[in-house]
Amino acid sequence: MQLPPQILLRKLKEHSRLTTADVAEINAFSYQIRHLQPGEDFIRQGDVPKVSALVVSGMVARYHMLDNGQRQYLSFHMAGDLPDAQALFIDEMDHAVCAIGLAVIASIPHKEIIRAFDRRPPVAFAIWRETLIDAAIFREAITNNSARTMEARMAHLFSELFYRARASSLIKDNTFHLPIDLTQLGETLGMSIATVNRTLNTLRTTSTMDFRHGTLTVQNWRKLAQIGQFNPGYLHLKKPPL
């Protein structure tokens, strides 16, 4: 497994140009590894964290807890992502982040990241750009959940996650480990369990994808993206993976 700074560099280079000196600065970050159980929070609403979490392996999710105990999942993050980078720029977290399935994160002290910003402005621009791409994903999720049919809504989410995983070299034989259960899928897309099952079955009949037991297999990428009205421009990747 790559060291956390190397994982972070791989991700930042998807959208930003970094010099040898920038790379050395990031490689010098210290970190602590934490292993997370499924559903375990590592950031809670109201926290004032002093570290930023880097996803080393597995998947984590950003969410809001509703008054009825349900969750609204806002975004999913995989290896290389900084799901709480916003904490560098705000005083208090307004959402929580938890593991989806087993996950490993590395905690990097804010003071080291801020020091890198001062010494190497391109590092600051790259991490800031990471937060801007997060914001673009949020905007797309709002459109997805409010303006698309159930079938297109689900196809779009699968298209985005598969595209991002491909960019991060997490796809093998058109298959991606996606440890989201049907309840979480419904809480992401604003669907009941019955609607999730019905929509999944509808998508399966298109022969574009299959999703079972935490594994997403894409059989016809172009058709799936067309059904989901997925245009990856909002992800701002330098080298499109598909």
Protein backbone atom coordinates (compact mmCIF):
# COMPACT_ATOMS: atom_id res chain seq x y z
CA MET A 1 0.00 0.00 0.00
CA GLN A 2 1.22 3.51 -0.80
CA LEU A 3 2.05 5.86 2.06
CA PRO A 4 -0.63 8.50 2.79
CA PRO A 5 1.36 11.44 1.31
CA GLN A 6 1.77 9.46 -1.92
CA ILE A 7 -1.96 8.73 -2.00
CA LEU A 8 -2.70 12.42 -1.51
CA LEU A 9 -0.26 13.41 -4.25
CA ARG A 10 -1.85 11.00 -6.70
CA LYS A 11 -5.25 12.55 -6.03
CA LEU A 12 -4.13 16.19 -6.22
CA LYS A 13 -2.32 15.52 -9.49
CA GLU A 14 -5.64 14.49 -11.04
CA HIS A 15 -6.54 18.17 -11.22
CA SER A 16 -3.48 20.25 -10.28
CA ARG A 17 0.13 20.70 -11.38
CA LEU A 18 2.73 20.28 -8.64
CA THR A 19 6.47 20.91 -8.82
CA THR A 20 9.20 18.78 -7.28
CA ALA A 21 9.35 21.18 -4.33
CA ASP A 22 5.57 20.93 -3.85
CA VAL A 23 5.80 17.14 -3.84
CA ALA A 24 8.59 17.25 -1.25
CA GLU A 25 6.46 19.49 0.96
CA ILE A 26 3.54 17.07 0.89
CA ASN A 27 5.79 14.05 1.41
CA ALA A 28 7.00 15.69 4.64
CA PHE A 29 3.51 15.69 6.21
CA SER A 30 3.24 13.67 9.40
CA TYR A 31 0.14 11.55 9.95
CA GLN A 32 -1.59 9.07 12.23
CA ILE A 33 -3.43 6.05 10.88
CA ARG A 34 -6.90 5.12 12.13
CA HIS A 35 -8.90 2.02 11.22
CA LEU A 36 -12.66 2.57 11.10
CA GLN A 37 -15.53 0.14 11.49
CA PRO A 38 -18.62 0.36 9.23
CA GLY A 39 -20.75 3.32 10.24
CA GLU A 40 -18.15 4.74 12.63
CA ASP A 41 -18.04 8.55 12.77
CA PHE A 42 -14.68 10.26 12.74
CA ILE A 43 -16.12 13.77 12.40
CA ARG A 44 -19.31 14.95 14.08
CA GLN A 45 -21.40 18.04 13.51
CA GLY A 46 -20.12 20.78 15.82
CA ASP A 47 -16.56 19.44 15.98
CA VAL A 48 -13.62 21.85 15.70
CA PRO A 49 -10.98 19.47 14.30
CA LYS A 50 -7.26 20.17 14.39
CA VAL A 51 -6.46 17.57 11.74
CA SER A 52 -7.65 16.78 8.22
CA ALA A 53 -8.56 13.22 7.32
CA LEU A 54 -7.18 11.60 4.17
CA VAL A 55 -8.94 8.45 2.99
CA VAL A 56 -6.26 5.75 2.64
CA SER A 57 -8.54 2.85 1.76
CA GLY A 58 -12.24 2.04 1.76
CA MET A 59 -14.96 4.65 1.54
CA VAL A 60 -16.38 7.35 3.80
CA ALA A 61 -19.50 9.50 3.51
CA ARG A 62 -20.49 13.02 4.47
CA TYR A 63 -24.01 13.26 5.92
CA HIS A 64 -26.59 15.27 7.85
CA MET A 65 -28.59 13.61 10.63
CA LEU A 66 -32.31 14.37 10.38
CA ASP A 67 -34.68 14.82 13.31
CA ASN A 68 -36.35 11.47 12.58
CA GLY A 69 -33.03 9.63 12.91
CA GLN A 70 -32.54 9.12 9.19
CA ARG A 71 -29.48 10.38 7.39
CA GLN A 72 -29.12 12.44 4.24
CA TYR A 73 -25.86 11.35 2.63
CA LEU A 74 -24.30 14.28 0.81
CA SER A 75 -21.23 12.79 -0.85
CA PHE A 76 -18.99 9.75 -0.87
CA HIS A 77 -15.21 9.78 -0.67
CA MET A 78 -12.63 7.18 -1.65
CA ALA A 79 -8.86 6.72 -1.44
CA GLY A 80 -7.02 10.02 -1.90
CA ASP A 81 -9.94 12.26 -0.93
CA LEU A 82 -9.84 14.86 1.85
CA PRO A 83 -13.48 14.73 3.02
CA ASP A 84 -13.07 17.38 5.70
CA ALA A 85 -10.67 19.82 4.03
CA GLN A 86 -13.31 22.51 4.61
CA ALA A 87 -12.29 22.44 8.29
CA LEU A 88 -9.14 24.30 7.26
CA PHE A 89 -11.29 27.30 6.34
CA ILE A 90 -14.29 27.21 8.73
CA ASP A 91 -14.56 27.33 12.51
CA GLU A 92 -16.98 24.46 13.13
CA MET A 93 -18.11 21.41 11.18
CA ASP A 94 -21.74 21.61 10.00
CA HIS A 95 -21.97 17.93 9.04
CA ALA A 96 -20.63 14.52 10.05
CA VAL A 97 -18.41 12.05 8.21
CA CYS A 98 -18.50 8.28 8.76
CA ALA A 99 -17.02 5.11 7.33
CA ILE A 100 -19.01 3.18 4.74
CA GLY A 101 -17.78 -0.34 5.26
CA LEU A 102 -14.29 -0.85 6.63
CA ALA A 103 -12.04 2.14 6.01
CA VAL A 104 -8.63 3.51 6.88
CA ILE A 105 -7.88 7.20 7.24
CA ALA A 106 -4.73 9.19 7.94
CA SER A 107 -5.01 12.32 10.09
CA ILE A 108 -2.73 15.18 9.00
CA PRO A 109 -2.28 18.12 11.41
CA HIS A 110 -3.81 21.38 10.19
CA LYS A 111 -0.74 23.31 11.33
CA GLU A 112 1.44 21.36 8.90
CA ILE A 113 -0.97 21.91 6.00
CA ILE A 114 -1.21 25.65 6.76
CA ARG A 115 2.57 25.88 6.97
CA ALA A 116 2.78 24.21 3.55
CA PHE A 117 0.33 26.81 2.22
CA ASP A 118 2.69 29.57 3.31
CA ARG A 119 5.78 27.93 1.88
CA ARG A 120 4.33 26.42 -1.30
CA PRO A 121 1.30 28.33 -2.65
CA PRO A 122 0.65 25.68 -5.38
CA VAL A 123 -0.07 23.20 -2.57
CA ALA A 124 -2.65 25.64 -1.19
CA PHE A 125 -4.21 26.05 -4.62
CA ALA A 126 -4.39 22.26 -5.11
CA ILE A 127 -6.11 21.62 -1.76
CA TRP A 128 -8.40 24.60 -2.27
CA ARG A 129 -9.28 23.22 -5.69
CA GLU A 130 -10.12 19.92 -3.98
CA THR A 131 -12.69 21.73 -1.81
CA LEU A 132 -14.11 23.50 -4.88
CA ILE A 133 -14.58 20.15 -6.64
CA ASP A 134 -16.39 18.93 -3.51
CA ALA A 135 -18.70 21.93 -3.83
CA ALA A 136 -19.32 21.09 -7.50
CA ILE A 137 -20.27 17.54 -6.48
CA PHE A 138 -22.74 18.98 -3.94
CA ARG A 139 -24.32 21.20 -6.60
CA GLU A 140 -24.65 18.27 -8.96
CA ALA A 141 -26.23 16.17 -6.20
CA ILE A 142 -28.87 18.86 -5.61
CA THR A 143 -29.76 18.86 -9.29
CA ASN A 144 -29.69 15.08 -9.41
CA ASN A 145 -32.05 14.58 -6.46
CA SER A 146 -34.49 17.32 -7.42
CA ALA A 147 -34.69 17.35 -11.21
CA ARG A 148 -34.08 13.82 -12.53
CA THR A 149 -36.22 10.70 -12.70
CA MET A 150 -35.50 7.91 -10.22
CA GLU A 151 -33.75 5.85 -12.90
CA ALA A 152 -31.59 8.77 -14.05
CA ARG A 153 -30.88 9.74 -10.44
CA MET A 154 -29.44 6.34 -9.58
CA ALA A 155 -27.61 5.97 -12.90
CA HIS A 156 -25.97 9.37 -12.36
CA LEU A 157 -24.71 8.45 -8.88
CA PHE A 158 -23.28 5.16 -10.14
CA SER A 159 -21.73 6.93 -13.14
CA GLU A 160 -20.04 9.54 -10.97
CA LEU A 161 -18.65 7.08 -8.43
CA PHE A 162 -17.39 4.74 -11.17
CA TYR A 163 -15.78 7.64 -13.04
CA ARG A 164 -14.04 8.95 -9.92
CA ALA A 165 -12.90 5.44 -8.96
CA ARG A 166 -11.48 4.93 -12.46
CA ALA A 167 -9.51 8.19 -12.14
CA SER A 168 -8.08 6.92 -8.84
CA SER A 169 -7.17 3.50 -10.31
CA LEU A 170 -9.69 1.68 -8.09
CA ILE A 171 -11.47 -0.20 -10.88
CA LYS A 172 -10.64 -3.79 -11.80
CA ASP A 173 -12.37 -5.56 -14.70
CA ASN A 174 -15.07 -2.86 -14.77
CA THR A 175 -15.89 -3.71 -11.15
CA PHE A 176 -15.75 -1.38 -8.16
CA HIS A 177 -16.11 -2.21 -4.46
CA LEU A 178 -18.96 0.08 -3.37
CA PRO A 179 -19.94 -0.87 0.20
CA ILE A 180 -23.25 1.03 0.23
CA ASP A 181 -26.31 -0.89 1.42
CA LEU A 182 -29.79 -0.32 0.02
CA THR A 183 -30.86 1.83 2.98
CA GLN A 184 -27.88 4.13 2.46
CA LEU A 185 -28.55 4.24 -1.26
CA GLY A 186 -32.11 5.36 -0.51
CA GLU A 187 -30.93 7.95 2.01
CA THR A 188 -28.56 9.32 -0.63
CA LEU A 189 -31.09 9.55 -3.45
CA GLY A 190 -34.26 10.37 -1.49
CA MET A 191 -35.90 7.00 -2.22
CA SER A 192 -37.74 4.43 -0.13
CA ILE A 193 -36.34 0.90 -0.01
CA ALA A 194 -39.13 -0.26 -2.32
CA THR A 195 -38.23 2.45 -4.83
CA VAL A 196 -34.52 1.60 -4.57
CA ASN A 197 -35.24 -2.05 -5.39
CA ARG A 198 -37.59 -1.17 -8.23
CA THR A 199 -35.14 1.33 -9.73
CA LEU A 200 -32.21 -1.09 -9.44
CA ASN A 201 -34.21 -3.75 -11.25
CA THR A 202 -35.11 -1.25 -13.98
CA LEU A 203 -31.45 -0.33 -14.46
CA ARG A 204 -30.45 -3.98 -14.61
CA THR A 205 -32.81 -4.51 -17.54
CA THR A 206 -30.83 -1.92 -19.52
CA SER A 207 -27.74 -4.18 -19.37
CA THR A 208 -25.62 -1.20 -18.37
CA MET A 209 -24.74 -2.13 -14.78
CA ASP A 210 -25.34 -4.42 -11.86
CA PHE A 211 -25.07 -3.65 -8.16
CA ARG A 212 -25.15 -6.50 -5.66
CA HIS A 213 -23.63 -7.08 -2.23
CA GLY A 214 -21.50 -3.94 -2.31
CA THR A 215 -20.08 -4.49 -5.79
CA LEU A 216 -20.82 -2.25 -8.78
CA THR A 217 -20.17 -3.75 -12.20
CA VAL A 218 -20.50 -1.51 -15.26
CA GLN A 219 -21.33 -3.40 -18.45
CA ASN A 220 -22.01 -0.47 -20.79
CA TRP A 221 -20.45 2.76 -19.54
CA ARG A 222 -21.64 5.08 -22.30
CA LYS A 223 -25.25 3.96 -22.07
CA LEU A 224 -25.23 4.19 -18.25
CA ALA A 225 -23.85 7.74 -18.42
CA GLN A 226 -26.49 8.62 -21.01
CA ILE A 227 -29.31 7.30 -18.81
CA GLY A 228 -27.90 9.25 -15.85
CA GLN A 229 -27.37 12.46 -17.87
CA PHE A 230 -23.81 12.34 -16.54
CA ASN A 231 -21.36 14.94 -17.84
CA PRO A 232 -18.07 14.69 -15.90
CA GLY A 233 -17.02 18.29 -16.57
CA TYR A 234 -17.90 19.33 -13.00
CA LEU A 235 -15.17 17.01 -11.67
CA HIS A 236 -12.47 19.09 -13.42
CA LEU A 237 -10.04 16.23 -14.04
CA LYS A 238 -7.00 16.97 -16.20
CA LYS A 239 -7.02 13.53 -17.87
CA PRO A 240 -10.49 12.01 -18.27
CA PRO A 241 -10.29 8.31 -17.30
CA LEU A 242 -13.07 7.23 -19.71
